[in-house]
Amino acid sequence: MQLVSRYITRMPKTTNCQQFMTGVTAYIRKHYKKSMLPRLAEHPEERLTCSVIVFSRVCREIWMIGDCHCLLTPLDSHQAPLSSEYYDNPKPYETELAGMRAEEVRRLLAAGKTQDELLRNDIARPVIIPRMLDTMRQQNVTYSVVDGFPIARQHVRTITLDFRPWEIVLASDGYPFLCPTLEESESRLREQRESDPLNIGPVFQATKGFHPDFNSFDDRAYIRFRC
């Protein structure tokens, strides 16, 4: 994440999506030892990996590489928001994996495990780890990420904006419910933690729950701006 962020701060503002994918891939690849490359080519699950969502003001485009999401709201002539449009780019099998874990959690609860026990030691998660690793071995084949190897362009979601004024929210998938403000998004996250800390549904399911020592179940990034 830090390497990708550093690359973005240095790239020309005229960079288009293809140039970004080529450039950021080369930048990450420079941080691998050459002796590591054959192993990493065979084992994608061991690569430096992150998702990224980028807005290019010059291109009037949003590029979604990996599991991220955004909320796009056109503004009227008085800068008042109109109807919002939501976009995401989820990893394949993520819903299936979350469902598998939820089923195992429910089985453990029925067998006598307590919610607190499972929050502190999620013994349901190891059940899905082999499947998760299988999925990771398909990165930049069945889904796109930044990992120092060619990005699967067909799985990069590109959204083109017209020249109306827009309010844009870009976020990581650590916010399961993306709202027009950070306060609302954080509030929905708190509600999820209070109502279903194990993240086993029916409103939302995830491959992990809210550990009591952490303030969320996943990394969070959120930015809102107008252009």
Protein backbone atom coordinates (compact mmCIF):
# COMPACT_ATOMS: atom_id res chain seq x y z
CA MET A 1 0.00 0.00 0.00
CA GLN A 2 2.79 2.42 0.90
CA LEU A 3 4.65 1.69 -2.34
CA VAL A 4 1.52 2.23 -4.46
CA SER A 5 0.75 5.46 -2.61
CA ARG A 6 4.32 6.67 -3.21
CA TYR A 7 4.08 5.84 -6.90
CA ILE A 8 0.81 7.76 -7.29
CA THR A 9 2.30 10.90 -5.72
CA ARG A 10 5.13 10.82 -8.27
CA MET A 11 3.38 9.89 -11.50
CA PRO A 12 2.49 12.57 -14.09
CA LYS A 13 -1.04 13.95 -13.83
CA THR A 14 -1.61 13.01 -17.48
CA THR A 15 -1.14 9.29 -16.72
CA ASN A 16 -3.93 7.16 -18.20
CA CYS A 17 -5.18 3.84 -16.88
CA GLN A 18 -2.92 1.66 -19.02
CA GLN A 19 0.12 3.76 -18.17
CA PHE A 20 -0.76 3.57 -14.48
CA MET A 21 -1.06 -0.21 -14.56
CA THR A 22 2.25 -0.58 -16.39
CA GLY A 23 4.05 1.94 -14.20
CA VAL A 24 2.84 0.78 -10.81
CA THR A 25 3.55 -2.84 -11.75
CA ALA A 26 7.15 -1.99 -12.65
CA TYR A 27 7.52 0.05 -9.46
CA ILE A 28 6.41 -2.82 -7.24
CA ARG A 29 8.46 -5.33 -9.20
CA LYS A 30 11.64 -3.33 -8.48
CA HIS A 31 11.19 -4.14 -4.81
CA TYR A 32 11.47 -7.90 -5.36
CA LYS A 33 14.87 -9.56 -5.43
CA LYS A 34 15.48 -11.12 -8.84
CA SER A 35 16.01 -14.47 -7.17
CA MET A 36 12.43 -14.27 -5.83
CA LEU A 37 10.71 -13.78 -9.20
CA PRO A 38 10.50 -17.43 -10.34
CA ARG A 39 8.98 -18.41 -6.99
CA LEU A 40 6.52 -15.49 -7.04
CA ALA A 41 5.50 -16.30 -10.61
CA GLU A 42 4.42 -19.75 -9.41
CA HIS A 43 3.01 -18.59 -6.05
CA PRO A 44 0.92 -15.41 -6.42
CA GLU A 45 -0.29 -15.81 -2.82
CA GLU A 46 3.21 -14.81 -1.64
CA ARG A 47 3.43 -11.53 -3.57
CA LEU A 48 3.18 -7.99 -2.19
CA THR A 49 -0.45 -7.28 -2.97
CA CYS A 50 -2.98 -4.48 -2.60
CA SER A 51 -6.11 -3.07 -4.15
CA VAL A 52 -6.35 0.54 -5.30
CA ILE A 53 -8.99 2.95 -6.54
CA VAL A 54 -7.80 6.04 -8.42
CA PHE A 55 -9.56 9.13 -9.74
CA SER A 56 -7.88 10.83 -12.70
CA ARG A 57 -9.11 14.38 -13.07
CA VAL A 58 -7.40 14.72 -16.47
CA CYS A 59 -9.00 11.54 -17.86
CA ARG A 60 -12.29 12.06 -15.95
CA GLU A 61 -12.09 8.38 -14.97
CA ILE A 62 -12.11 6.20 -11.88
CA TRP A 63 -9.97 3.06 -12.00
CA MET A 64 -10.88 0.19 -9.68
CA ILE A 65 -8.16 -2.44 -9.30
CA GLY A 66 -9.15 -5.06 -6.74
CA ASP A 67 -11.86 -4.99 -4.10
CA CYS A 68 -12.86 -1.37 -3.55
CA HIS A 69 -16.00 0.67 -4.05
CA CYS A 70 -17.23 4.19 -4.74
CA LEU A 71 -20.27 6.42 -4.56
CA LEU A 72 -20.78 8.95 -7.37
CA THR A 73 -23.25 11.81 -7.01
CA PRO A 74 -23.88 14.36 -9.76
CA LEU A 75 -24.56 17.92 -8.58
CA ASP A 76 -27.13 20.29 -10.00
CA SER A 77 -26.49 23.89 -11.05
CA HIS A 78 -26.76 24.96 -7.40
CA GLN A 79 -24.22 22.32 -6.26
CA ALA A 80 -26.99 20.30 -4.64
CA PRO A 81 -26.59 16.51 -4.81
CA LEU A 82 -28.81 14.45 -7.09
CA SER A 83 -29.28 10.67 -7.07
CA SER A 84 -26.13 8.69 -6.20
CA GLU A 85 -24.69 5.78 -8.15
CA TYR A 86 -22.85 2.97 -6.34
CA TYR A 87 -20.08 0.86 -7.91
CA ASP A 88 -17.95 -1.95 -6.54
CA ASN A 89 -15.39 -4.43 -7.82
CA PRO A 90 -15.52 -7.44 -5.48
CA LYS A 91 -13.14 -10.38 -5.59
CA PRO A 92 -14.68 -13.55 -7.00
CA TYR A 93 -15.66 -16.16 -4.44
CA GLU A 94 -15.62 -13.60 -1.59
CA THR A 95 -19.36 -14.03 -1.05
CA GLU A 96 -19.02 -17.79 -1.23
CA LEU A 97 -16.15 -17.81 1.28
CA ALA A 98 -18.05 -15.53 3.67
CA GLY A 99 -21.03 -17.85 3.41
CA MET A 100 -18.88 -20.90 4.17
CA ARG A 101 -17.47 -19.25 7.27
CA ALA A 102 -20.91 -18.07 8.41
CA GLU A 103 -22.24 -21.61 8.13
CA GLU A 104 -19.32 -22.94 10.22
CA VAL A 105 -19.80 -20.19 12.85
CA ARG A 106 -23.48 -21.06 13.17
CA ARG A 107 -22.56 -24.74 13.57
CA LEU A 108 -20.08 -23.90 16.32
CA LEU A 109 -22.61 -21.70 18.12
CA ALA A 110 -25.15 -24.51 17.98
CA ALA A 111 -22.52 -26.87 19.41
CA GLY A 112 -22.04 -24.65 22.45
CA LYS A 113 -19.33 -22.14 21.55
CA THR A 114 -20.08 -18.60 22.72
CA GLN A 115 -20.00 -15.46 20.59
CA ASP A 116 -17.19 -14.02 22.72
CA GLU A 117 -15.08 -17.16 22.30
CA LEU A 118 -15.43 -17.01 18.53
CA LEU A 119 -14.69 -13.28 18.40
CA ARG A 120 -11.41 -13.80 20.27
CA ASN A 121 -10.48 -17.02 18.49
CA ASP A 122 -12.25 -17.39 15.16
CA ILE A 123 -11.82 -21.13 14.73
CA ALA A 124 -14.27 -21.01 11.82
CA ARG A 125 -11.84 -19.00 9.67
CA PRO A 126 -9.28 -21.82 9.20
CA VAL A 127 -12.04 -23.79 7.46
CA ILE A 128 -11.96 -21.33 4.55
CA ILE A 129 -8.20 -20.62 4.47
CA PRO A 130 -7.39 -23.38 1.89
CA ARG A 131 -10.10 -22.01 -0.40
CA MET A 132 -8.85 -18.45 0.16
CA LEU A 133 -5.33 -19.50 -0.85
CA ASP A 134 -6.73 -21.15 -3.98
CA THR A 135 -8.43 -17.85 -4.82
CA MET A 136 -5.23 -15.85 -4.21
CA ARG A 137 -3.39 -18.11 -6.64
CA GLN A 138 -5.77 -16.75 -9.28
CA GLN A 139 -4.93 -13.08 -8.70
CA ASN A 140 -4.41 -11.20 -11.95
CA VAL A 141 -6.06 -14.13 -13.68
CA THR A 142 -9.67 -14.13 -12.45
CA TYR A 143 -9.44 -10.76 -10.68
CA SER A 144 -7.10 -7.79 -10.65
CA VAL A 145 -4.72 -6.51 -7.98
CA VAL A 146 -1.45 -4.59 -7.87
CA ASP A 147 1.28 -7.13 -7.15
CA GLY A 148 4.28 -6.42 -9.39
CA PHE A 149 3.03 -8.76 -12.11
CA PRO A 150 0.90 -7.80 -15.16
CA ILE A 151 -2.50 -6.55 -14.01
CA ALA A 152 -5.49 -8.36 -15.52
CA ARG A 153 -6.92 -5.42 -17.49
CA GLN A 154 -10.20 -7.22 -18.19
CA HIS A 155 -10.95 -7.18 -14.45
CA VAL A 156 -10.16 -3.49 -13.90
CA ARG A 157 -13.37 -1.52 -13.66
CA THR A 158 -13.21 1.89 -15.33
CA ILE A 159 -15.91 4.51 -14.79
CA THR A 160 -15.97 7.58 -17.02
CA LEU A 161 -17.54 10.78 -15.71
CA ASP A 162 -19.08 13.53 -17.81
CA PHE A 163 -18.19 17.18 -17.26
CA ARG A 164 -20.95 17.93 -14.78
CA PRO A 165 -19.79 18.67 -11.25
CA TRP A 166 -19.64 15.50 -9.15
CA GLU A 167 -19.26 14.54 -5.53
CA ILE A 168 -17.09 11.44 -5.32
CA VAL A 169 -16.56 8.98 -2.47
CA LEU A 170 -13.78 6.41 -2.84
CA ALA A 171 -13.31 3.72 -0.18
CA SER A 172 -11.83 0.36 0.68
CA ASP A 173 -14.12 -2.58 1.39
CA GLY A 174 -13.52 -2.14 5.12
CA TYR A 175 -16.69 -0.02 4.91
CA PRO A 176 -19.39 -2.61 4.11
CA PHE A 177 -22.01 0.15 3.80
CA LEU A 178 -20.74 3.12 1.81
CA CYS A 179 -22.55 6.37 2.64
CA PRO A 180 -22.25 9.97 1.40
CA THR A 181 -20.29 11.01 4.51
CA LEU A 182 -17.57 9.42 6.62
CA GLU A 183 -19.70 9.92 9.74
CA GLU A 184 -22.59 7.94 8.24
CA SER A 185 -20.28 5.20 6.98
CA GLU A 186 -18.66 4.86 10.42
CA SER A 187 -22.11 4.84 12.03
CA ARG A 188 -23.27 1.97 9.82
CA LEU A 189 -20.06 0.12 10.68
CA ARG A 190 -20.76 0.56 14.42
CA GLU A 191 -24.31 -0.67 13.92
CA GLN A 192 -22.99 -3.77 12.18
CA ARG A 193 -20.60 -4.43 15.06
CA GLU A 194 -23.36 -4.05 17.62
CA SER A 195 -25.94 -6.17 15.80
CA ASP A 196 -23.74 -8.86 14.25
CA PRO A 197 -20.12 -8.76 15.47
CA LEU A 198 -19.36 -12.16 13.95
CA ASN A 199 -20.41 -10.89 10.48
CA ILE A 200 -22.50 -13.93 9.66
CA GLY A 201 -25.56 -12.22 8.18
CA PRO A 202 -28.24 -11.80 7.07
CA VAL A 203 -27.46 -8.12 6.35
CA PHE A 204 -23.71 -8.57 5.87
CA GLN A 205 -21.28 -11.48 5.83
CA ALA A 206 -17.48 -11.38 5.85
CA THR A 207 -14.56 -13.77 6.02
CA LYS A 208 -13.80 -12.52 9.55
CA GLY A 209 -15.53 -10.85 12.47
CA PHE A 210 -14.84 -7.92 14.80
CA HIS A 211 -12.05 -8.90 17.18
CA PRO A 212 -12.68 -7.22 20.58
CA ASP A 213 -9.20 -5.65 20.61
CA PHE A 214 -9.63 -3.94 17.22
CA ASN A 215 -11.95 -1.11 16.21
CA SER A 216 -13.04 -2.80 12.99
CA PHE A 217 -12.83 -6.09 11.10
CA ASP A 218 -10.78 -4.80 8.13
CA ASP A 219 -8.67 -1.87 6.93
CA ARG A 220 -10.57 1.34 6.23
CA ALA A 221 -9.84 4.11 3.74
CA TYR A 222 -12.38 6.81 2.83
CA ILE A 223 -12.15 10.04 0.88
CA ARG A 224 -14.87 12.41 -0.35
CA PHE A 225 -14.33 15.35 -2.69
CA ARG A 226 -15.99 17.37 -5.44
CA CYS A 227 -14.70 17.87 -8.95
